[in-house]
C-alpha atoms as a PDB file:
ATOM      1  CA  MET A   1       5.381  -6.818  85.529  1.00  0.00           C
ATOM      2  CA  ARG A   2       8.286  -5.211  88.185  1.00  0.00           C
ATOM      3  CA  MET A   3      10.722  -7.714  90.605  1.00  0.00           C
ATOM      4  CA  ARG A   4       9.637  -6.471  93.518  1.00  0.00           C
ATOM      5  CA  THR A   5      11.596  -5.690  96.504  1.00  0.00           C
ATOM      6  CA  LEU A   6      11.471  -8.808  98.840  1.00  0.00           C
ATOM      7  CA  THR A   7      11.733  -6.843 102.023  1.00  0.00           C
ATOM      8  CA  LEU A   8       9.033  -4.398 102.652  1.00  0.00           C
ATOM      9  CA  ALA A   9       8.455  -2.406 106.046  1.00  0.00           C
ATOM     10  CA  ALA A  10       6.307  -4.361 108.484  1.00  0.00           C
ATOM     11  CA  ALA A  11       4.338  -2.407 111.073  1.00  0.00           C
ATOM     12  CA  SER A  12       1.720  -2.480 113.681  1.00  0.00           C
ATOM     13  CA  GLY A  13      -1.320  -0.853 112.545  1.00  0.00           C
ATOM     14  CA  ALA A  14      -2.937  -0.625 115.644  1.00  0.00           C
ATOM     15  CA  ALA A  15      -2.392   2.420 116.572  1.00  0.00           C
ATOM     16  CA  LEU A  16      -3.238   3.793 113.257  1.00  0.00           C
ATOM     17  CA  LEU A  17      -7.091   2.637 114.225  1.00  0.00           C
ATOM     18  CA  ALA A  18      -7.507   5.886 115.624  1.00  0.00           C
ATOM     19  CA  ALA A  19     -10.704   6.883 117.158  1.00  0.00           C
ATOM     20  CA  GLY A  20     -13.176   9.213 116.257  1.00  0.00           C
ATOM     21  CA  VAL A  21     -13.446   7.831 112.801  1.00  0.00           C
ATOM     22  CA  LEU A  22     -16.007   6.262 110.752  1.00  0.00           C
ATOM     23  CA  PRO A  23     -16.921   3.149 112.417  1.00  0.00           C
ATOM     24  CA  ALA A  24     -18.437   0.037 110.388  1.00  0.00           C
ATOM     25  CA  SER A  25     -18.890  -3.626 111.006  1.00  0.00           C
ATOM     26  CA  ALA A  26     -15.952  -5.725 108.939  1.00  0.00           C
ATOM     27  CA  SER A  27     -16.933  -6.479 105.843  1.00  0.00           C
ATOM     28  CA  GLY A  28     -14.378  -9.038 103.932  1.00  0.00           C
ATOM     29  CA  ALA A  29     -16.854  -9.143 100.455  1.00  0.00           C
ATOM     30  CA  THR A  30     -15.117  -8.007  97.198  1.00  0.00           C
ATOM     31  CA  PRO A  31     -16.800  -5.184  96.028  1.00  0.00           C
ATOM     32  CA  LYS A  32     -19.470  -6.183  93.126  1.00  0.00           C
ATOM     33  CA  SER A  33     -19.478  -2.700  91.566  1.00  0.00           C
ATOM     34  CA  ALA A  34     -16.391  -0.336  90.743  1.00  0.00           C
ATOM     35  CA  GLN A  35     -18.616   2.864  90.688  1.00  0.00           C
ATOM     36  CA  GLU A  36     -18.355   3.479  94.491  1.00  0.00           C
ATOM     37  CA  GLY A  37     -20.026   6.591  95.668  1.00  0.00           C
ATOM     38  CA  THR A  38     -21.704   9.532  94.078  1.00  0.00           C
ATOM     39  CA  VAL A  39     -18.687  11.066  93.091  1.00  0.00           C
ATOM     40  CA  SER A  40     -17.910  10.261  89.507  1.00  0.00           C
ATOM     41  CA  ALA A  41     -14.800   9.437  88.202  1.00  0.00           C
ATOM     42  CA  ALA A  42     -15.452  12.692  85.537  1.00  0.00           C
ATOM     43  CA  ASP A  43     -15.383  15.083  88.569  1.00  0.00           C
ATOM     44  CA  LEU A  44     -12.684  14.007  90.388  1.00  0.00           C
ATOM     45  CA  LEU A  45     -10.507  13.880  87.501  1.00  0.00           C
ATOM     46  CA  SER A  46     -11.189  17.248  86.318  1.00  0.00           C
ATOM     47  CA  LYS A  47      -9.779  18.469  89.765  1.00  0.00           C
ATOM     48  CA  VAL A  48      -6.229  16.486  88.952  1.00  0.00           C
ATOM     49  CA  THR A  49      -5.739  17.632  86.142  1.00  0.00           C
ATOM     50  CA  SER A  50      -2.515  19.626  87.049  1.00  0.00           C
ATOM     51  CA  CYS A  51      -0.099  18.849  89.507  1.00  0.00           C
ATOM     52  CA  SER A  52       1.955  21.105  92.116  1.00  0.00           C
ATOM     53  CA  GLN A  53       4.722  18.395  92.863  1.00  0.00           C
ATOM     54  CA  ILE A  54       4.955  17.706  96.868  1.00  0.00           C
ATOM     55  CA  SER A  55       7.851  15.412  96.573  1.00  0.00           C
ATOM     56  CA  ASN A  56      11.459  15.834  96.207  1.00  0.00           C
ATOM     57  CA  GLY A  57      11.617  13.799  93.135  1.00  0.00           C
ATOM     58  CA  LYS A  58       9.767  11.436  90.989  1.00  0.00           C
ATOM     59  CA  TYR A  59       9.115   7.748  91.252  1.00  0.00           C
ATOM     60  CA  ARG A  60       9.717   4.762  88.560  1.00  0.00           C
ATOM     61  CA  THR A  61       6.612   2.590  87.986  1.00  0.00           C
ATOM     62  CA  ASP A  62       8.993  -0.248  87.928  1.00  0.00           C
ATOM     63  CA  ASP A  63      12.756  -1.292  88.087  1.00  0.00           C
ATOM     64  CA  GLU A  64      13.354  -0.968  83.948  1.00  0.00           C
ATOM     65  CA  THR A  65      11.671   2.437  83.651  1.00  0.00           C
ATOM     66  CA  SER A  66      12.868   5.487  84.357  1.00  0.00           C
ATOM     67  CA  ALA A  67      11.838   7.913  87.149  1.00  0.00           C
ATOM     68  CA  THR A  68       9.110  10.547  86.098  1.00  0.00           C
ATOM     69  CA  ILE A  69       6.017  10.143  88.433  1.00  0.00           C
ATOM     70  CA  PRO A  70       5.795  12.749  90.851  1.00  0.00           C
ATOM     71  CA  VAL A  71       3.530  13.214  94.323  1.00  0.00           C
ATOM     72  CA  CYS A  72       0.886  16.265  93.597  1.00  0.00           C
ATOM     73  CA  GLY A  73      -0.785  18.328  96.097  1.00  0.00           C
ATOM     74  CA  LYS A  74      -4.146  19.818  96.304  1.00  0.00           C
ATOM     75  CA  ASN A  75      -6.259  20.976  99.032  1.00  0.00           C
ATOM     76  CA  GLY A  76      -7.099  17.919 101.330  1.00  0.00           C
ATOM     77  CA  ALA A  77      -5.333  15.243  99.455  1.00  0.00           C
ATOM     78  CA  VAL A  78      -2.236  13.959  97.295  1.00  0.00           C
ATOM     79  CA  PHE A  79      -2.055  11.885  94.069  1.00  0.00           C
ATOM     80  CA  TRP A  80      -0.322  10.472  91.534  1.00  0.00           C
ATOM     81  CA  LYS A  81      -0.916   9.165  88.033  1.00  0.00           C
ATOM     82  CA  ALA A  82       0.513   5.913  87.290  1.00  0.00           C
ATOM     83  CA  ASP A  83      -0.347   2.290  86.556  1.00  0.00           C
ATOM     84  CA  MET A  84      -1.195  -0.833  89.200  1.00  0.00           C
ATOM     85  CA  ASP A  85       1.202  -3.910  89.763  1.00  0.00           C
ATOM     86  CA  ILE A  86      -0.524  -6.365  91.489  1.00  0.00           C
ATOM     87  CA  ASP A  87       0.022  -6.609  95.446  1.00  0.00           C
ATOM     88  CA  CYS A  88      -0.885 -10.267  96.631  1.00  0.00           C
ATOM     89  CA  ASP A  89       0.839  -9.675  99.857  1.00  0.00           C
ATOM     90  CA  GLY A  90      -0.759 -10.346 103.477  1.00  0.00           C
ATOM     91  CA  GLN A  91      -2.935 -13.659 104.586  1.00  0.00           C
ATOM     92  CA  ARG A  92      -2.420 -16.509 102.543  1.00  0.00           C
ATOM     93  CA  THR A  93      -5.576 -17.450 100.619  1.00  0.00           C
ATOM     94  CA  SER A  94      -6.144 -19.326  97.487  1.00  0.00           C
ATOM     95  CA  LYS A  95      -5.766 -16.707  95.248  1.00  0.00           C
ATOM     96  CA  CYS A  96      -2.731 -15.309  97.018  1.00  0.00           C
ATOM     97  CA  ASN A  97       0.213 -17.193  98.158  1.00  0.00           C
ATOM     98  CA  GLU A  98       3.544 -18.319  96.990  1.00  0.00           C
ATOM     99  CA  ASN A  99       2.541 -20.641  94.119  1.00  0.00           C
ATOM    100  CA  ALA A 100       0.368 -17.841  92.624  1.00  0.00           C
ATOM    101  CA  ASP A 101       2.920 -14.520  93.043  1.00  0.00           C
ATOM    102  CA  PRO A 102       6.506 -14.818  92.632  1.00  0.00           C
ATOM    103  CA  TRP A 103       7.079 -12.013  94.913  1.00  0.00           C
ATOM    104  CA  TYR A 104       4.334 -13.132  97.643  1.00  0.00           C
ATOM    105  CA  GLN A 105       5.233 -11.835 101.323  1.00  0.00           C
ATOM    106  CA  ASP A 106       2.531 -13.326 104.223  1.00  0.00           C
ATOM    107  CA  ASP A 107       2.578  -9.935 105.762  1.00  0.00           C
ATOM    108  CA  THR A 108       1.414  -6.226 105.077  1.00  0.00           C
ATOM    109  CA  ALA A 109       2.761  -2.994 106.584  1.00  0.00           C
ATOM    110  CA  PHE A 110      -0.842  -2.568 108.506  1.00  0.00           C
ATOM    111  CA  HIS A 111      -2.702  -4.605 110.176  1.00  0.00           C
ATOM    112  CA  GLN A 112      -6.578  -5.755 110.422  1.00  0.00           C
ATOM    113  CA  SER A 113      -8.086  -5.149 114.064  1.00  0.00           C
ATOM    114  CA  ASN A 114      -7.718  -8.198 115.451  1.00  0.00           C
ATOM    115  CA  GLY A 115      -3.668  -7.656 114.156  1.00  0.00           C
ATOM    116  CA  GLN A 116      -3.685 -10.165 111.453  1.00  0.00           C
ATOM    117  CA  PRO A 117      -2.026  -9.128 107.795  1.00  0.00           C
ATOM    118  CA  LEU A 118      -4.580  -8.013 105.471  1.00  0.00           C
ATOM    119  CA  LYS A 119      -5.991 -10.000 102.797  1.00  0.00           C
ATOM    120  CA  ALA A 120      -4.593  -8.837  99.683  1.00  0.00           C
ATOM    121  CA  ASP A 121      -7.575 -10.781  97.689  1.00  0.00           C
ATOM    122  CA  SER A 122     -11.029  -9.346  99.553  1.00  0.00           C
ATOM    123  CA  LEU A 123      -9.860  -6.090 100.846  1.00  0.00           C
ATOM    124  CA  PRO A 124      -8.860  -2.925  98.100  1.00  0.00           C
ATOM    125  CA  TYR A 125      -6.174  -1.044  99.179  1.00  0.00           C
ATOM    126  CA  ILE A 126      -3.196   0.461  97.329  1.00  0.00           C
ATOM    127  CA  VAL A 127       0.533   0.677  98.181  1.00  0.00           C
ATOM    128  CA  VAL A 128       2.267   3.479  99.243  1.00  0.00           C
ATOM    129  CA  PRO A 129       6.100   3.655  98.507  1.00  0.00           C
ATOM    130  CA  SER A 130       8.279   3.576 101.868  1.00  0.00           C
ATOM    131  CA  SER A 131       9.387   6.583 102.711  1.00  0.00           C
ATOM    132  CA  SER A 132      12.426   8.320 101.884  1.00  0.00           C
ATOM    133  CA  SER A 133      14.417  11.215 100.405  1.00  0.00           C
ATOM    134  CA  ILE A 134      11.742  11.683  97.828  1.00  0.00           C
ATOM    135  CA  TRP A 135       9.025  11.422  99.791  1.00  0.00           C
ATOM    136  CA  LYS A 136       7.361  10.615 103.633  1.00  0.00           C
ATOM    137  CA  TYR A 137       4.137   9.875 103.494  1.00  0.00           C
ATOM    138  CA  SER A 138       3.602  10.389 106.700  1.00  0.00           C
ATOM    139  CA  SER A 139       4.910  14.156 106.637  1.00  0.00           C
ATOM    140  CA  TYR A 140       1.392  14.750 104.675  1.00  0.00           C
ATOM    141  CA  GLY A 141      -1.089  13.070 106.581  1.00  0.00           C
ATOM    142  CA  ILE A 142      -1.459   9.752 104.977  1.00  0.00           C
ATOM    143  CA  LYS A 143      -1.548   6.717 106.942  1.00  0.00           C
ATOM    144  CA  GLY A 144      -2.064   3.324 107.138  1.00  0.00           C
ATOM    145  CA  GLY A 145      -6.265   2.682 106.575  1.00  0.00           C
ATOM    146  CA  GLY A 146      -6.519   6.022 105.041  1.00  0.00           C
ATOM    147  CA  VAL A 147      -8.723   6.363 102.461  1.00  0.00           C
ATOM    148  CA  VAL A 148      -8.016   6.259  98.579  1.00  0.00           C
ATOM    149  CA  ALA A 149      -9.896   7.337  95.435  1.00  0.00           C
ATOM    150  CA  VAL A 150      -8.560   5.027  93.040  1.00  0.00           C
ATOM    151  CA  ILE A 151      -9.939   5.874  89.174  1.00  0.00           C
ATOM    152  CA  TYR A 152      -9.182   3.644  85.901  1.00  0.00           C
ATOM    153  CA  ASN A 153     -11.309   3.751  82.640  1.00  0.00           C
ATOM    154  CA  ASN A 154     -13.763   6.383  84.142  1.00  0.00           C
ATOM    155  CA  LYS A 155     -14.830   3.913  87.532  1.00  0.00           C
ATOM    156  CA  VAL A 156     -14.091   4.838  91.271  1.00  0.00           C
ATOM    157  CA  GLU A 157     -12.762   2.659  93.506  1.00  0.00           C
ATOM    158  CA  TYR A 158     -12.896   3.636  97.223  1.00  0.00           C
ATOM    159  CA  ALA A 159      -9.902   1.448  98.869  1.00  0.00           C
ATOM    160  CA  VAL A 160      -7.295   1.914 101.689  1.00  0.00           C
ATOM    161  CA  VAL A 161      -3.770   2.507 102.738  1.00  0.00           C
ATOM    162  CA  GLY A 162      -2.654  -1.159 102.931  1.00  0.00           C
ATOM    163  CA  ASP A 163       0.561  -1.236 102.506  1.00  0.00           C
ATOM    164  CA  THR A 164       4.348  -0.169 102.119  1.00  0.00           C
ATOM    165  CA  GLY A 165       6.831  -0.921  98.941  1.00  0.00           C
ATOM    166  CA  PRO A 166       9.925  -0.002  97.595  1.00  0.00           C
ATOM    167  CA  THR A 167      11.213   3.670  97.941  1.00  0.00           C
ATOM    168  CA  ASN A 168      11.873   4.855  94.192  1.00  0.00           C
ATOM    169  CA  ILE A 169       8.731   2.506  93.055  1.00  0.00           C
ATOM    170  CA  ILE A 170       5.184   3.803  92.551  1.00  0.00           C
ATOM    171  CA  GLY A 171       1.582   2.058  91.525  1.00  0.00           C
ATOM    172  CA  GLU A 172       0.381  -0.328  93.332  1.00  0.00           C
ATOM    173  CA  ALA A 173      -2.761  -1.700  94.712  1.00  0.00           C
ATOM    174  CA  SER A 174      -4.034  -5.012  95.629  1.00  0.00           C
ATOM    175  CA  TYR A 175      -5.696  -7.897  93.864  1.00  0.00           C
ATOM    176  CA  ALA A 176      -9.005  -6.727  94.804  1.00  0.00           C
ATOM    177  CA  THR A 177      -8.830  -3.390  93.830  1.00  0.00           C
ATOM    178  CA  ALA A 178      -7.478  -4.679  90.468  1.00  0.00           C
ATOM    179  CA  LYS A 179     -10.485  -6.900  89.810  1.00  0.00           C
ATOM    180  CA  ALA A 180     -13.261  -4.556  91.055  1.00  0.00           C
ATOM    181  CA  LEU A 181     -11.749  -1.996  88.335  1.00  0.00           C
ATOM    182  CA  GLY A 182     -11.615  -4.537  85.501  1.00  0.00           C
ATOM    183  CA  ILE A 183      -7.835  -4.881  85.679  1.00  0.00           C
ATOM    184  CA  ASP A 184      -6.424  -8.277  85.694  1.00  0.00           C
ATOM    185  CA  PRO A 185      -5.636  -8.987  89.154  1.00  0.00           C
ATOM    186  CA  ASP A 186      -2.890 -11.706  88.675  1.00  0.00           C
ATOM    187  CA  PRO A 187      -0.085 -11.007  90.573  1.00  0.00           C
ATOM    188  CA  ALA A 188       2.181 -12.445  87.669  1.00  0.00           C
ATOM    189  CA  THR A 189       0.916 -11.477  84.523  1.00  0.00           C
ATOM    190  CA  GLY A 190      -1.899  -9.281  85.386  1.00  0.00           C
ATOM    191  CA  GLY A 191      -1.783  -5.294  86.422  1.00  0.00           C
ATOM    192  CA  ALA A 192      -2.392  -2.092  84.109  1.00  0.00           C
ATOM    193  CA  ASP A 193       0.506   0.063  82.221  1.00  0.00           C
ATOM    194  CA  SER A 194      -1.254   3.313  82.596  1.00  0.00           C
ATOM    195  CA  GLY A 195      -3.996   5.526  83.374  1.00  0.00           C
ATOM    196  CA  VAL A 196      -4.618   5.187  86.786  1.00  0.00           C
ATOM    197  CA  THR A 197      -4.965   7.790  89.213  1.00  0.00           C
ATOM    198  CA  TYR A 198      -4.681   7.499  93.137  1.00  0.00           C
ATOM    199  CA  ILE A 199      -6.205  10.429  94.754  1.00  0.00           C
ATOM    200  CA  LEU A 200      -5.115   9.891  99.139  1.00  0.00           C
ATOM    201  CA  PHE A 201      -7.228  11.536 101.291  1.00  0.00           C
ATOM    202  CA  LYS A 202      -5.107  13.430 104.406  1.00  0.00           C
ATOM    203  CA  ASN A 203      -5.939  12.597 107.512  1.00  0.00           C
ATOM    204  CA  SER A 204      -8.522   9.846 107.260  1.00  0.00           C
ATOM    205  CA  THR A 205      -9.121   6.608 108.610  1.00  0.00           C
ATOM    206  CA  VAL A 206     -11.221   4.004 108.114  1.00  0.00           C
ATOM    207  CA  SER A 207     -11.865   1.978 111.087  1.00  0.00           C
ATOM    208  CA  PRO A 208     -11.766  -0.835 110.947  1.00  0.00           C
ATOM    209  CA  ILE A 209      -9.179  -0.938 108.243  1.00  0.00           C
ATOM    210  CA  GLU A 210     -10.578  -4.075 106.442  1.00  0.00           C
ATOM    211  CA  SER A 211     -14.257  -2.692 106.472  1.00  0.00           C
ATOM    212  CA  HIS A 212     -14.509  -1.576 102.708  1.00  0.00           C
ATOM    213  CA  SER A 213     -18.204  -0.518 103.121  1.00  0.00           C
ATOM    214  CA  ALA A 214     -16.680   2.243 105.731  1.00  0.00           C
ATOM    215  CA  ALA A 215     -13.713   2.883 103.278  1.00  0.00           C
ATOM    216  CA  VAL A 216     -16.731   3.587 100.643  1.00  0.00           C
ATOM    217  CA  SER A 217     -18.740   5.589 103.078  1.00  0.00           C
ATOM    218  CA  LEU A 218     -15.941   7.839 104.143  1.00  0.00           C
ATOM    219  CA  GLY A 219     -14.218   7.922 100.820  1.00  0.00           C
ATOM    220  CA  ASP A 220     -17.739   9.300  99.446  1.00  0.00           C
ATOM    221  CA  THR A 221     -17.873  11.987 102.054  1.00  0.00           C
ATOM    222  CA  LEU A 222     -14.034  12.999 101.548  1.00  0.00           C
ATOM    223  CA  ALA A 223     -14.516  12.985  97.709  1.00  0.00           C
ATOM    224  CA  LYS A 224     -17.616  15.415  97.876  1.00  0.00           C
ATOM    225  CA  GLN A 225     -15.343  17.826  99.893  1.00  0.00           C
ATOM    226  CA  PHE A 226     -12.370  17.566  97.565  1.00  0.00           C
ATOM    227  CA  LEU A 227     -14.850  18.798  94.617  1.00  0.00           C
ATOM    228  CA  GLN A 228     -15.697  21.555  96.772  1.00  0.00           C
ATOM    229  CA  ASN A 229     -12.440  22.256  97.930  1.00  0.00           C
ATOM    230  CA  ASN A 230     -10.298  22.217  95.044  1.00  0.00           C
END
C-alpha cells in the first residue's frame, strides 16, 4: 500500500449538489450486491478497450511505481484502469479510524448534504487526483457527487466522486466500494494491485451525494447512454 499524502484538499460539497439531478432519500447501507443495475461489466469494458489520452501526462499507482496510467476520454465519460488502494477517510467509525488506517483523516473533499464528511465504510465513493498540470478533473465535467462505474472481476459497482488525493497518484476508492467488489477493504493491508476500471460519467451529480440508491439509479441510466454513444 502506498504512503498517502497527509494533506488532502477539502472543500464544501454543498455547491456541488445541484438542482435538477436525480433525487433520492439518503441511504447509508453498504450495498449487498456488486452487480448493480442492468448493464454488464463485459458490455462496459467492451467500450474502453483503447485509450484516447486526455491527461497531459500519466499517473503512478503508488509512490514507488513509475507513471504509467493515463486518463482516457470517451463520449460522455472519462476512464482509467489502475489498482485500488483503500480510502477510509471521512466520518470516524468502528472500521475507519486512526487505529485501523495509518493515513486516516477525518474529512473528505466533498460532503454530505448535511455538511458532514462522507462515510467511507458505508458509502461507495472513489478518489480523483487533485488538480495539477497532469489533469484537472473539473475541466472535463467531473465533480463531487458525480457517478462512477467501478468494474472489477466481472462485477459493476456504482459509486460517487467523494474525495481528492495526491496530484500524481491514481487508483483509490472507499472501504465500501472495495467490500462490495470482493476486494479486501482493510485500509492498511487490503486493496487490489491491478484490474480495476473506473468510468466517470461527465456532468452527473447524485443528490444527495450520500444516497447510494440514487447513484445506482442514475448510474444505470448513464451506463446505457454510454453504450449507445460509444
